[in-house]
C-alpha atoms as a PDB file:
ATOM      1  CA  UNK A   1     -87.197 -63.597  -0.515  1.00  0.00           C
ATOM      2  CA  UNK A   2     -89.259 -64.616   2.336  1.00  0.00           C
ATOM      3  CA  UNK A   3     -88.603 -66.581   5.583  1.00  0.00           C
ATOM      4  CA  UNK A   4     -91.680 -68.378   7.108  1.00  0.00           C
ATOM      5  CA  UNK A   5     -92.083 -67.950  10.879  1.00  0.00           C
ATOM      6  CA  UNK A   6     -93.946 -70.294  13.181  1.00  0.00           C
ATOM      7  CA  UNK A   7     -96.406 -72.099  12.877  1.00  0.00           C
ATOM      8  CA  UNK A   8     -95.967 -71.749   9.007  1.00  0.00           C
ATOM      9  CA  UNK A   9     -92.339 -72.526   9.079  1.00  0.00           C
ATOM     10  CA  UNK A  10     -93.185 -76.131  10.302  1.00  0.00           C
ATOM     11  CA  UNK A  11     -94.456 -76.615   6.796  1.00  0.00           C
ATOM     12  CA  UNK A  12     -92.471 -74.547   4.349  1.00  0.00           C
ATOM     13  CA  UNK A  13     -88.967 -73.258   3.758  1.00  0.00           C
ATOM     14  CA  UNK A  14     -87.870 -70.093   2.448  1.00  0.00           C
ATOM     15  CA  UNK A  15     -89.565 -68.645  -0.539  1.00  0.00           C
ATOM     16  CA  UNK A  16     -88.566 -66.631  -3.641  1.00  0.00           C
ATOM     17  CA  UNK A  17     -90.775 -64.228  -5.684  1.00  0.00           C
ATOM     18  CA  UNK A  18     -91.541 -60.865  -6.872  1.00  0.00           C
ATOM     19  CA  UNK A  19     -92.872 -57.648  -5.535  1.00  0.00           C
ATOM     20  CA  UNK A  20     -94.229 -54.744  -7.605  1.00  0.00           C
ATOM     21  CA  UNK A  21     -95.499 -51.536  -6.204  1.00  0.00           C
ATOM     22  CA  UNK A  22     -96.782 -47.905  -7.249  1.00  0.00           C
ATOM     23  CA  UNK A  23     -97.558 -45.002  -5.101  1.00  0.00           C
ATOM     24  CA  UNK A  24     -97.680 -41.325  -4.354  1.00  0.00           C
ATOM     25  CA  UNK A  25     -95.222 -39.179  -2.457  1.00  0.00           C
ATOM     26  CA  UNK A  26     -97.084 -36.488  -0.716  1.00  0.00           C
ATOM     27  CA  UNK A  27     -93.784 -34.991   0.486  1.00  0.00           C
ATOM     28  CA  UNK A  28     -90.203 -36.145   0.472  1.00  0.00           C
ATOM     29  CA  UNK A  29     -91.234 -37.912   3.816  1.00  0.00           C
ATOM     30  CA  UNK A  30     -94.745 -39.047   3.407  1.00  0.00           C
ATOM     31  CA  UNK A  31     -95.967 -41.633   0.858  1.00  0.00           C
ATOM     32  CA  UNK A  32     -98.609 -44.201   0.247  1.00  0.00           C
ATOM     33  CA  UNK A  33     -97.640 -47.389  -1.650  1.00  0.00           C
ATOM     34  CA  UNK A  34     -99.789 -49.991  -3.294  1.00  0.00           C
ATOM     35  CA  UNK A  35     -98.104 -53.400  -3.841  1.00  0.00           C
ATOM     36  CA  UNK A  36     -98.602 -56.898  -5.238  1.00  0.00           C
ATOM     37  CA  UNK A  37     -96.407 -59.672  -3.852  1.00  0.00           C
ATOM     38  CA  UNK A  38     -96.057 -63.160  -5.068  1.00  0.00           C
ATOM     39  CA  UNK A  39     -93.743 -65.871  -3.426  1.00  0.00           C
ATOM     40  CA  UNK A  40     -93.061 -69.495  -4.184  1.00  0.00           C
ATOM     41  CA  UNK A  41     -92.568 -71.677  -0.994  1.00  0.00           C
ATOM     42  CA  UNK A  42     -90.832 -75.135  -0.772  1.00  0.00           C
ATOM     43  CA  UNK A  43     -92.157 -77.749   1.376  1.00  0.00           C
ATOM     44  CA  UNK A  44     -90.076 -78.891   4.339  1.00  0.00           C
ATOM     45  CA  UNK A  45     -88.848 -82.513   4.615  1.00  0.00           C
ATOM     46  CA  UNK A  46     -90.747 -82.418   8.159  1.00  0.00           C
ATOM     47  CA  UNK A  47     -93.975 -81.732   6.160  1.00  0.00           C
ATOM     48  CA  UNK A  48     -93.386 -84.295   3.514  1.00  0.00           C
ATOM     49  CA  UNK A  49     -91.966 -87.139   5.456  1.00  0.00           C
ATOM     50  CA  UNK A  50     -94.975 -88.247   7.382  1.00  0.00           C
ATOM     51  CA  UNK A  51     -96.996 -88.316   4.124  1.00  0.00           C
ATOM     52  CA  UNK A  52     -94.316 -90.226   2.407  1.00  0.00           C
ATOM     53  CA  UNK A  53     -94.361 -92.690   5.190  1.00  0.00           C
ATOM     54  CA  UNK A  54     -98.289 -93.032   5.384  1.00  0.00           C
ATOM     55  CA  UNK A  55     -98.290 -93.716   1.632  1.00  0.00           C
ATOM     56  CA  UNK A  56     -95.146 -95.792   1.473  1.00  0.00           C
ATOM     57  CA  UNK A  57     -93.525 -93.659  -1.283  1.00  0.00           C
ATOM     58  CA  UNK A  58     -90.605 -91.424  -1.465  1.00  0.00           C
ATOM     59  CA  UNK A  59     -91.664 -89.633  -4.719  1.00  0.00           C
ATOM     60  CA  UNK A  60     -94.153 -87.357  -3.104  1.00  0.00           C
ATOM     61  CA  UNK A  61     -93.299 -83.473  -3.394  1.00  0.00           C
ATOM     62  CA  UNK A  62     -94.934 -80.419  -2.192  1.00  0.00           C
ATOM     63  CA  UNK A  63     -94.817 -76.621  -2.491  1.00  0.00           C
ATOM     64  CA  UNK A  64     -96.839 -73.553  -1.492  1.00  0.00           C
ATOM     65  CA  UNK A  65     -97.326 -69.994  -2.680  1.00  0.00           C
ATOM     66  CA  UNK A  66     -98.788 -66.844  -1.295  1.00  0.00           C
ATOM     67  CA  UNK A  67    -100.044 -63.703  -2.937  1.00  0.00           C
ATOM     68  CA  UNK A  68    -100.699 -60.273  -1.145  1.00  0.00           C
ATOM     69  CA  UNK A  69    -102.266 -57.155  -2.188  1.00  0.00           C
ATOM     70  CA  UNK A  70    -101.022 -54.487   0.254  1.00  0.00           C
ATOM     71  CA  UNK A  71    -101.580 -50.706   1.020  1.00  0.00           C
ATOM     72  CA  UNK A  72     -98.773 -49.222   2.825  1.00  0.00           C
ATOM     73  CA  UNK A  73     -97.763 -45.853   4.381  1.00  0.00           C
ATOM     74  CA  UNK A  74     -94.071 -45.152   4.073  1.00  0.00           C
ATOM     75  CA  UNK A  75     -92.330 -42.391   6.434  1.00  0.00           C
ATOM     76  CA  UNK A  76     -88.787 -41.749   4.851  1.00  0.00           C
ATOM     77  CA  UNK A  77     -85.917 -39.653   5.978  1.00  0.00           C
ATOM     78  CA  UNK A  78     -83.752 -39.119   2.978  1.00  0.00           C
ATOM     79  CA  UNK A  79     -80.160 -37.640   2.642  1.00  0.00           C
ATOM     80  CA  UNK A  80     -78.292 -36.710  -0.454  1.00  0.00           C
ATOM     81  CA  UNK A  81     -77.010 -40.365  -0.800  1.00  0.00           C
ATOM     82  CA  UNK A  82     -78.469 -42.350   1.924  1.00  0.00           C
ATOM     83  CA  UNK A  83     -81.990 -42.818   3.356  1.00  0.00           C
ATOM     84  CA  UNK A  84     -84.066 -44.816   5.570  1.00  0.00           C
ATOM     85  CA  UNK A  85     -87.774 -45.532   6.049  1.00  0.00           C
ATOM     86  CA  UNK A  86     -90.531 -47.114   8.060  1.00  0.00           C
ATOM     87  CA  UNK A  87     -93.284 -48.856   6.046  1.00  0.00           C
ATOM     88  CA  UNK A  88     -96.435 -50.622   7.074  1.00  0.00           C
ATOM     89  CA  UNK A  89    -100.075 -51.166   6.436  1.00  0.00           C
ATOM     90  CA  UNK A  90    -102.952 -53.638   5.921  1.00  0.00           C
ATOM     91  CA  UNK A  91    -103.423 -56.024   3.028  1.00  0.00           C
ATOM     92  CA  UNK A  92    -105.213 -59.123   1.584  1.00  0.00           C
ATOM     93  CA  UNK A  93    -103.068 -62.214   1.897  1.00  0.00           C
ATOM     94  CA  UNK A  94    -103.918 -65.530  -0.006  1.00  0.00           C
ATOM     95  CA  UNK A  95    -101.876 -68.676   0.744  1.00  0.00           C
ATOM     96  CA  UNK A  96    -101.829 -72.130  -0.922  1.00  0.00           C
ATOM     97  CA  UNK A  97    -100.237 -75.436  -0.542  1.00  0.00           C
ATOM     98  CA  UNK A  98    -100.127 -78.677  -2.846  1.00  0.00           C
ATOM     99  CA  UNK A  99     -98.912 -82.195  -2.986  1.00  0.00           C
ATOM    100  CA  UNK A 100     -97.781 -83.801  -6.080  1.00  0.00           C
ATOM    101  CA  UNK A 101     -99.798 -86.826  -5.122  1.00  0.00           C
ATOM    102  CA  UNK A 102    -103.204 -87.371  -3.348  1.00  0.00           C
ATOM    103  CA  UNK A 103    -103.731 -89.040  -0.057  1.00  0.00           C
ATOM    104  CA  UNK A 104    -106.460 -91.612  -0.379  1.00  0.00           C
ATOM    105  CA  UNK A 105    -109.604 -91.344   1.788  1.00  0.00           C
ATOM    106  CA  UNK A 106    -109.117 -93.404   4.803  1.00  0.00           C
ATOM    107  CA  UNK A 107    -105.394 -92.837   5.258  1.00  0.00           C
ATOM    108  CA  UNK A 108    -104.332 -92.128   8.805  1.00  0.00           C
ATOM    109  CA  UNK A 109    -104.694 -88.431   9.527  1.00  0.00           C
ATOM    110  CA  UNK A 110    -101.562 -86.449  10.705  1.00  0.00           C
ATOM    111  CA  UNK A 111    -103.062 -83.420  12.456  1.00  0.00           C
ATOM    112  CA  UNK A 112    -102.454 -80.637  11.677  1.00  0.00           C
ATOM    113  CA  UNK A 113    -100.190 -81.775   8.875  1.00  0.00           C
ATOM    114  CA  UNK A 114    -103.223 -83.388   6.758  1.00  0.00           C
ATOM    115  CA  UNK A 115    -105.071 -79.918   7.163  1.00  0.00           C
ATOM    116  CA  UNK A 116    -102.165 -77.893   5.815  1.00  0.00           C
ATOM    117  CA  UNK A 117    -102.262 -80.055   2.554  1.00  0.00           C
ATOM    118  CA  UNK A 118    -105.987 -79.813   2.249  1.00  0.00           C
ATOM    119  CA  UNK A 119    -107.622 -82.743   3.697  1.00  0.00           C
ATOM    120  CA  UNK A 120    -110.544 -83.055   6.204  1.00  0.00           C
ATOM    121  CA  UNK A 121    -110.074 -85.588   9.211  1.00  0.00           C
ATOM    122  CA  UNK A 122    -112.544 -87.307  11.328  1.00  0.00           C
ATOM    123  CA  UNK A 123    -111.145 -88.983  14.322  1.00  0.00           C
ATOM    124  CA  UNK A 124    -107.928 -90.854  13.053  1.00  0.00           C
ATOM    125  CA  UNK A 125    -108.572 -90.842   9.227  1.00  0.00           C
ATOM    126  CA  UNK A 126    -108.871 -88.576   6.203  1.00  0.00           C
ATOM    127  CA  UNK A 127    -112.253 -87.919   4.846  1.00  0.00           C
ATOM    128  CA  UNK A 128    -111.303 -86.590   1.357  1.00  0.00           C
ATOM    129  CA  UNK A 129    -109.476 -87.783  -1.612  1.00  0.00           C
ATOM    130  CA  UNK A 130    -108.359 -85.653  -4.677  1.00  0.00           C
ATOM    131  CA  UNK A 131    -106.261 -85.995  -7.774  1.00  0.00           C
ATOM    132  CA  UNK A 132    -103.883 -83.695  -6.285  1.00  0.00           C
ATOM    133  CA  UNK A 133    -103.937 -82.250  -2.656  1.00  0.00           C
ATOM    134  CA  UNK A 134    -104.459 -78.749  -2.407  1.00  0.00           C
ATOM    135  CA  UNK A 135    -105.407 -76.143   0.442  1.00  0.00           C
ATOM    136  CA  UNK A 136    -105.771 -72.465   0.228  1.00  0.00           C
ATOM    137  CA  UNK A 137    -106.842 -69.707   2.774  1.00  0.00           C
ATOM    138  CA  UNK A 138    -107.238 -65.961   2.440  1.00  0.00           C
ATOM    139  CA  UNK A 139    -107.426 -63.454   5.224  1.00  0.00           C
ATOM    140  CA  UNK A 140    -106.794 -59.614   5.683  1.00  0.00           C
ATOM    141  CA  UNK A 141    -103.408 -58.916   7.510  1.00  0.00           C
ATOM    142  CA  UNK A 142    -100.930 -56.339   8.443  1.00  0.00           C
ATOM    143  CA  UNK A 143     -97.311 -55.802   7.750  1.00  0.00           C
ATOM    144  CA  UNK A 144     -94.376 -53.517   9.037  1.00  0.00           C
ATOM    145  CA  UNK A 145     -90.821 -53.087   8.351  1.00  0.00           C
ATOM    146  CA  UNK A 146     -87.763 -50.906   7.785  1.00  0.00           C
ATOM    147  CA  UNK A 147     -85.874 -50.182   4.570  1.00  0.00           C
ATOM    148  CA  UNK A 148     -82.443 -48.459   3.682  1.00  0.00           C
ATOM    149  CA  UNK A 149     -81.986 -46.620   0.302  1.00  0.00           C
ATOM    150  CA  UNK A 150     -78.940 -45.278  -1.586  1.00  0.00           C
ATOM    151  CA  UNK A 151     -79.088 -42.831  -4.559  1.00  0.00           C
ATOM    152  CA  UNK A 152     -78.249 -44.282  -7.844  1.00  0.00           C
ATOM    153  CA  UNK A 153     -77.644 -41.656 -10.675  1.00  0.00           C
ATOM    154  CA  UNK A 154     -79.862 -38.664 -10.774  1.00  0.00           C
ATOM    155  CA  UNK A 155     -82.359 -37.960  -7.962  1.00  0.00           C
ATOM    156  CA  UNK A 156     -84.904 -39.310  -7.145  1.00  0.00           C
ATOM    157  CA  UNK A 157     -83.495 -42.686  -8.347  1.00  0.00           C
ATOM    158  CA  UNK A 158     -82.749 -45.038  -5.529  1.00  0.00           C
ATOM    159  CA  UNK A 159     -81.989 -48.609  -4.777  1.00  0.00           C
ATOM    160  CA  UNK A 160     -83.345 -50.190  -1.618  1.00  0.00           C
ATOM    161  CA  UNK A 161     -83.383 -53.117   0.603  1.00  0.00           C
ATOM    162  CA  UNK A 162     -86.095 -53.654   3.149  1.00  0.00           C
ATOM    163  CA  UNK A 163     -87.163 -56.094   5.687  1.00  0.00           C
ATOM    164  CA  UNK A 164     -90.846 -56.602   6.699  1.00  0.00           C
ATOM    165  CA  UNK A 165     -92.806 -58.737   8.983  1.00  0.00           C
ATOM    166  CA  UNK A 166     -96.341 -59.965   7.784  1.00  0.00           C
ATOM    167  CA  UNK A 167     -98.977 -61.483   9.412  1.00  0.00           C
ATOM    168  CA  UNK A 168    -102.527 -62.762   8.240  1.00  0.00           C
ATOM    169  CA  UNK A 169    -104.949 -64.961  10.513  1.00  0.00           C
ATOM    170  CA  UNK A 170    -105.393 -67.731   7.763  1.00  0.00           C
ATOM    171  CA  UNK A 171    -107.443 -70.796   8.539  1.00  0.00           C
ATOM    172  CA  UNK A 172    -105.774 -73.701  10.323  1.00  0.00           C
ATOM    173  CA  UNK A 173    -102.215 -72.103  10.134  1.00  0.00           C
ATOM    174  CA  UNK A 174    -101.645 -68.530  10.544  1.00  0.00           C
ATOM    175  CA  UNK A 175     -99.477 -66.972   7.728  1.00  0.00           C
ATOM    176  CA  UNK A 176     -96.421 -65.150   9.209  1.00  0.00           C
ATOM    177  CA  UNK A 177     -93.292 -64.371   7.502  1.00  0.00           C
ATOM    178  CA  UNK A 178     -90.448 -61.983   6.968  1.00  0.00           C
ATOM    179  CA  UNK A 179     -89.810 -60.697   3.620  1.00  0.00           C
ATOM    180  CA  UNK A 180     -86.397 -59.383   2.361  1.00  0.00           C
ATOM    181  CA  UNK A 181     -86.903 -57.171  -0.805  1.00  0.00           C
ATOM    182  CA  UNK A 182     -84.150 -55.567  -2.985  1.00  0.00           C
ATOM    183  CA  UNK A 183     -85.376 -53.187  -5.568  1.00  0.00           C
ATOM    184  CA  UNK A 184     -85.225 -49.955  -7.350  1.00  0.00           C
ATOM    185  CA  UNK A 185     -87.366 -46.948  -6.823  1.00  0.00           C
ATOM    186  CA  UNK A 186     -87.863 -43.479  -8.753  1.00  0.00           C
END
């Protein structure tokens, strides 16, 4: 699950997705972990209402997604049953947004909303038109957070929950969100 933070939260609600990782434990406390994260994001009414009003249509929808390839260091304190860890590192973040219907060229520009949906604006009007409005942006970013584990069955099997802050300086609107992950590790 992910929760966008401002400025991204103006355009999208919570997200759901998957997170896969593999790594190497140097010791019981030190590990490196590579991850792939994908989340689907729902557009807010605040992001869609001005577009609906400009096009005088209520059947316009939108969504977003982000993908991240992350390399993390994990420092873990593990007891027999419970444990806690700190995790963080750099990664590559790719964010996209899409409208279900295009905004015709010459429509009044709603900055920065029009830019979020992938339109270029000259003073006052959009300058591009497409079948479906799309925008995307990629950037290197960072993440950091904390997690808690509980032993499940034989060691080293553990269930975990973690919360992490992610930041990437993507074009026009920075990508900032908190992810909450529930998982299983062995």
